[in-house]
Amino acid sequence: MNDILSALPFSVLLIFATGPLFFLILETSISKGIKPAFLIDLGAVFADAVFVLVAFLGTKSLLADIKDNPNLYILGGVLLMVYAIISAITTIRKKEEIIENEPIEPKGFRLFSYFIKGFFLNIINVGTFLFWLGLLVSIAPTLELETSRIIVFFSTVMLGYLILGFIKIVLAKQLSKTLTPTVIYKIRLSVCVLLVVFGIYFIYQGVYAPEPDVLLPSINQWK
């Protein structure tokens, strides 16, 4: 029970620490509906689970790879900017459709594509991996390095994030009822601009990549 309670604050932290996804999920809830927004959230959490698993299985080697290849930050930033620019162009081209028509919630494969979008935008963020790596290295010793306790802790963090994320999505959808189509169009464009800004920040991280050596003592003790 203590492991579960200690995990919940990190669930709250993740709601505001997901960077570009935070704004994208809010915008999607407002313009497309609850299901697409939640699928983006679900895709992002799946990427988080991959990060935790990879960090758990290969902490030392991956830390060295990131240290020696800061270009991973740059690649993630470029991919995010390309996605944002394409989204902005698509939004501008569909301006009249967005403003004049009622939003239609996607179905079928188009709905599933939002899961892929959430996974993709999270998996290209090297900073997210470093967050999970740092959390894993910091928390594992307090859990006596027991695999079962580590699984419970991180499962609780992600489940709590999903529940809080769903509440956030529902609240954003309620807000959409008071917004005009023109305002929704402007919100979608603003999110594209924010994604470009985050992309530039990721590239900056690659150019001025921090040294992660501070984690090595804990990793050596753990492994």
Protein backbone atom coordinates (compact mmCIF):
# COMPACT_ATOMS: atom_id res chain seq x y z
CA MET A 1 0.00 0.00 0.00
CA ASN A 2 2.86 2.39 0.79
CA ASP A 3 4.35 1.78 -2.66
CA ILE A 4 1.01 2.68 -4.26
CA LEU A 5 0.60 5.86 -2.21
CA SER A 6 4.17 6.96 -2.94
CA ALA A 7 3.52 6.52 -6.67
CA LEU A 8 0.45 8.79 -6.86
CA PRO A 9 2.32 12.14 -6.65
CA PHE A 10 4.26 11.13 -9.76
CA SER A 11 0.96 10.52 -11.57
CA VAL A 12 -0.01 14.12 -10.84
CA LEU A 13 3.42 15.33 -11.94
CA LEU A 14 3.12 13.48 -15.26
CA ILE A 15 -0.12 15.29 -16.10
CA PHE A 16 1.81 18.56 -16.37
CA ALA A 17 5.21 17.15 -17.40
CA THR A 18 4.19 15.51 -20.69
CA GLY A 19 5.31 18.56 -22.66
CA PRO A 20 3.74 18.83 -26.12
CA LEU A 21 1.28 16.01 -25.44
CA PHE A 22 -0.40 18.00 -22.66
CA PHE A 23 -1.55 20.67 -25.13
CA LEU A 24 -2.26 18.21 -27.94
CA ILE A 25 -4.53 16.11 -25.74
CA LEU A 26 -6.48 19.18 -24.59
CA GLU A 27 -6.86 20.42 -28.17
CA THR A 28 -7.96 16.98 -29.40
CA SER A 29 -10.55 16.69 -26.65
CA ILE A 30 -11.97 20.09 -27.57
CA SER A 31 -11.96 19.63 -31.35
CA LYS A 32 -12.39 15.86 -31.86
CA GLY A 33 -13.91 14.41 -28.71
CA ILE A 34 -13.10 12.35 -25.65
CA LYS A 35 -12.25 9.03 -27.35
CA PRO A 36 -9.51 10.36 -29.68
CA ALA A 37 -7.95 12.38 -26.84
CA PHE A 38 -7.95 9.39 -24.50
CA LEU A 39 -6.37 7.21 -27.20
CA ILE A 40 -3.54 9.74 -27.53
CA ASP A 41 -3.10 9.47 -23.77
CA LEU A 42 -3.18 5.67 -23.97
CA GLY A 43 -0.58 5.65 -26.76
CA ALA A 44 1.67 7.91 -24.70
CA VAL A 45 1.37 5.62 -21.67
CA PHE A 46 2.23 2.61 -23.84
CA ALA A 47 5.38 4.46 -24.93
CA ASP A 48 6.11 5.18 -21.26
CA ALA A 49 5.80 1.46 -20.49
CA VAL A 50 8.27 0.70 -23.29
CA PHE A 51 10.67 3.30 -21.85
CA VAL A 52 10.47 1.79 -18.35
CA LEU A 53 10.97 -1.75 -19.66
CA VAL A 54 13.94 -0.75 -21.80
CA ALA A 55 15.47 1.26 -18.95
CA PHE A 56 14.99 -1.65 -16.55
CA LEU A 57 16.61 -4.18 -18.90
CA GLY A 58 19.48 -2.11 -20.26
CA THR A 59 20.13 0.89 -18.06
CA LYS A 60 23.91 1.13 -18.37
CA SER A 61 24.24 0.66 -22.11
CA LEU A 62 21.35 2.99 -22.95
CA LEU A 63 22.67 5.72 -20.70
CA ALA A 64 26.00 5.47 -22.49
CA ASP A 65 24.28 5.60 -25.90
CA ILE A 66 22.41 8.79 -25.01
CA LYS A 67 25.55 10.36 -23.57
CA ASP A 68 27.54 9.58 -26.71
CA ASN A 69 24.73 10.42 -29.15
CA PRO A 70 23.08 13.74 -28.27
CA ASN A 71 21.88 13.75 -31.88
CA LEU A 72 18.97 11.64 -30.60
CA TYR A 73 17.59 14.84 -29.06
CA ILE A 74 18.02 16.66 -32.37
CA LEU A 75 16.31 13.87 -34.32
CA GLY A 76 13.36 13.91 -31.92
CA GLY A 77 13.10 17.70 -32.21
CA VAL A 78 13.18 17.62 -36.00
CA LEU A 79 10.51 14.90 -36.16
CA LEU A 80 8.29 16.86 -33.78
CA MET A 81 8.70 20.05 -35.84
CA VAL A 82 7.91 18.20 -39.09
CA TYR A 83 4.77 16.75 -37.53
CA ALA A 84 3.72 20.20 -36.24
CA ILE A 85 4.28 21.89 -39.60
CA ILE A 86 2.31 19.22 -41.48
CA SER A 87 -0.51 19.51 -38.92
CA ALA A 88 -0.53 23.31 -39.27
CA ILE A 89 -0.69 23.12 -43.08
CA THR A 90 -3.54 20.58 -42.88
CA THR A 91 -5.42 22.76 -40.39
CA ILE A 92 -5.04 25.88 -42.55
CA ARG A 93 -6.23 24.03 -45.64
CA LYS A 94 -9.31 22.79 -43.76
CA LYS A 95 -10.07 26.16 -42.16
CA GLU A 96 -13.51 26.56 -43.74
CA GLU A 97 -14.44 22.95 -42.96
CA ILE A 98 -13.40 23.36 -39.32
CA ILE A 99 -15.26 26.65 -38.87
CA GLU A 100 -18.42 25.86 -40.82
CA ASN A 101 -19.02 22.21 -39.91
CA GLU A 102 -19.72 20.49 -36.62
CA PRO A 103 -16.75 18.38 -35.47
CA ILE A 104 -17.21 14.67 -36.23
CA GLU A 105 -15.65 12.15 -33.88
CA PRO A 106 -13.45 9.76 -35.92
CA LYS A 107 -14.20 6.04 -36.05
CA GLY A 108 -12.47 2.81 -37.01
CA PHE A 109 -8.84 3.03 -38.07
CA ARG A 110 -8.92 6.83 -37.98
CA LEU A 111 -9.75 6.55 -34.30
CA PHE A 112 -6.90 4.07 -33.73
CA SER A 113 -4.51 6.46 -35.49
CA TYR A 114 -4.75 8.72 -32.43
CA PHE A 115 -3.22 5.93 -30.33
CA ILE A 116 -0.35 5.75 -32.83
CA LYS A 117 0.01 9.53 -32.68
CA GLY A 118 0.31 9.50 -28.89
CA PHE A 119 2.85 6.69 -28.99
CA PHE A 120 4.92 8.35 -31.73
CA LEU A 121 5.04 11.80 -30.13
CA ASN A 122 6.11 10.32 -26.80
CA ILE A 123 8.63 7.79 -28.12
CA ILE A 124 10.63 10.47 -30.02
CA ASN A 125 11.06 12.51 -26.82
CA VAL A 126 14.43 11.47 -25.37
CA GLY A 127 13.73 13.69 -22.37
CA THR A 128 10.82 11.42 -21.46
CA PHE A 129 13.13 8.41 -21.45
CA LEU A 130 15.59 10.24 -19.20
CA PHE A 131 12.72 11.11 -16.85
CA TRP A 132 11.78 7.44 -16.48
CA LEU A 133 15.42 6.41 -16.26
CA GLY A 134 16.10 8.92 -13.49
CA LEU A 135 12.93 7.91 -11.64
CA LEU A 136 13.77 4.22 -11.96
CA VAL A 137 17.31 4.67 -10.70
CA SER A 138 16.15 6.88 -7.82
CA ILE A 139 13.16 4.80 -6.72
CA ALA A 140 14.44 1.24 -7.21
CA PRO A 141 16.80 1.32 -4.17
CA THR A 142 13.95 2.56 -1.93
CA LEU A 143 11.92 -0.46 -3.09
CA GLU A 144 14.79 -2.75 -2.05
CA LEU A 145 15.37 -3.52 -5.75
CA GLU A 146 12.47 -6.01 -5.67
CA THR A 147 11.06 -6.51 -9.16
CA SER A 148 7.49 -7.04 -7.92
CA ARG A 149 7.52 -3.78 -5.95
CA ILE A 150 9.03 -1.89 -8.88
CA ILE A 151 6.28 -3.22 -11.17
CA VAL A 152 3.56 -2.20 -8.67
CA PHE A 153 5.06 1.28 -8.29
CA PHE A 154 5.35 2.08 -12.00
CA SER A 155 2.02 0.44 -12.86
CA THR A 156 0.39 2.69 -10.25
CA VAL A 157 2.09 5.78 -11.68
CA MET A 158 0.79 5.02 -15.18
CA LEU A 159 -2.70 3.96 -14.10
CA GLY A 160 -3.03 7.07 -11.96
CA TYR A 161 -1.87 9.19 -14.88
CA LEU A 162 -4.51 7.61 -17.16
CA ILE A 163 -7.31 8.21 -14.64
CA LEU A 164 -6.30 11.83 -14.02
CA GLY A 165 -5.76 12.29 -17.75
CA PHE A 166 -9.30 11.09 -18.46
CA ILE A 167 -10.69 13.59 -15.96
CA LYS A 168 -8.65 16.34 -17.66
CA ILE A 169 -10.00 15.29 -21.07
CA VAL A 170 -13.62 15.31 -19.88
CA LEU A 171 -13.20 18.79 -18.36
CA ALA A 172 -11.65 20.06 -21.60
CA LYS A 173 -14.59 18.62 -23.57
CA GLN A 174 -17.02 20.43 -21.30
CA LEU A 175 -15.13 23.63 -22.02
CA SER A 176 -15.51 23.05 -25.76
CA LYS A 177 -19.26 23.59 -25.48
CA THR A 178 -18.60 27.26 -24.74
CA LEU A 179 -16.10 27.75 -27.60
CA THR A 180 -16.95 28.89 -31.10
CA PRO A 181 -15.58 26.99 -34.15
CA THR A 182 -13.30 29.96 -34.90
CA VAL A 183 -11.77 29.76 -31.42
CA ILE A 184 -11.27 25.99 -31.82
CA TYR A 185 -9.50 26.62 -35.13
CA LYS A 186 -7.18 29.13 -33.45
CA ILE A 187 -6.50 26.68 -30.61
CA ARG A 188 -5.49 23.99 -33.11
CA LEU A 189 -3.07 26.38 -34.82
CA SER A 190 -1.69 27.52 -31.45
CA VAL A 191 -0.97 23.91 -30.48
CA CYS A 192 0.96 23.46 -33.75
CA VAL A 193 3.06 26.51 -32.86
CA LEU A 194 3.69 25.11 -29.36
CA LEU A 195 4.81 21.79 -30.87
CA VAL A 196 7.34 23.67 -33.02
CA VAL A 197 8.61 25.45 -29.90
CA PHE A 198 9.04 22.11 -28.11
CA GLY A 199 10.84 20.76 -31.18
CA ILE A 200 13.28 23.68 -31.05
CA TYR A 201 13.79 23.02 -27.33
CA PHE A 202 14.57 19.34 -28.01
CA ILE A 203 17.13 20.39 -30.63
CA TYR A 204 18.64 22.80 -28.10
CA GLN A 205 18.93 19.90 -25.66
CA GLY A 206 20.81 17.96 -28.32
CA VAL A 207 23.25 20.80 -28.97
CA TYR A 208 23.80 21.40 -25.25
CA ALA A 209 23.18 17.84 -24.02
CA PRO A 210 23.58 17.45 -20.24
CA GLU A 211 26.01 14.89 -18.90
CA PRO A 212 24.04 12.07 -17.25
CA ASP A 213 27.06 10.78 -15.31
CA VAL A 214 25.39 11.71 -12.03
CA LEU A 215 23.18 8.64 -12.42
CA LEU A 216 26.06 6.18 -12.84
CA PRO A 217 26.81 5.53 -9.12
CA SER A 218 23.21 4.50 -8.46
CA ILE A 219 23.12 2.38 -11.62
CA ASN A 220 26.34 0.60 -10.69
CA GLN A 221 24.95 -0.13 -7.23
CA TRP A 222 21.70 -1.42 -8.70
CA LYS A 223 23.20 -3.54 -11.47
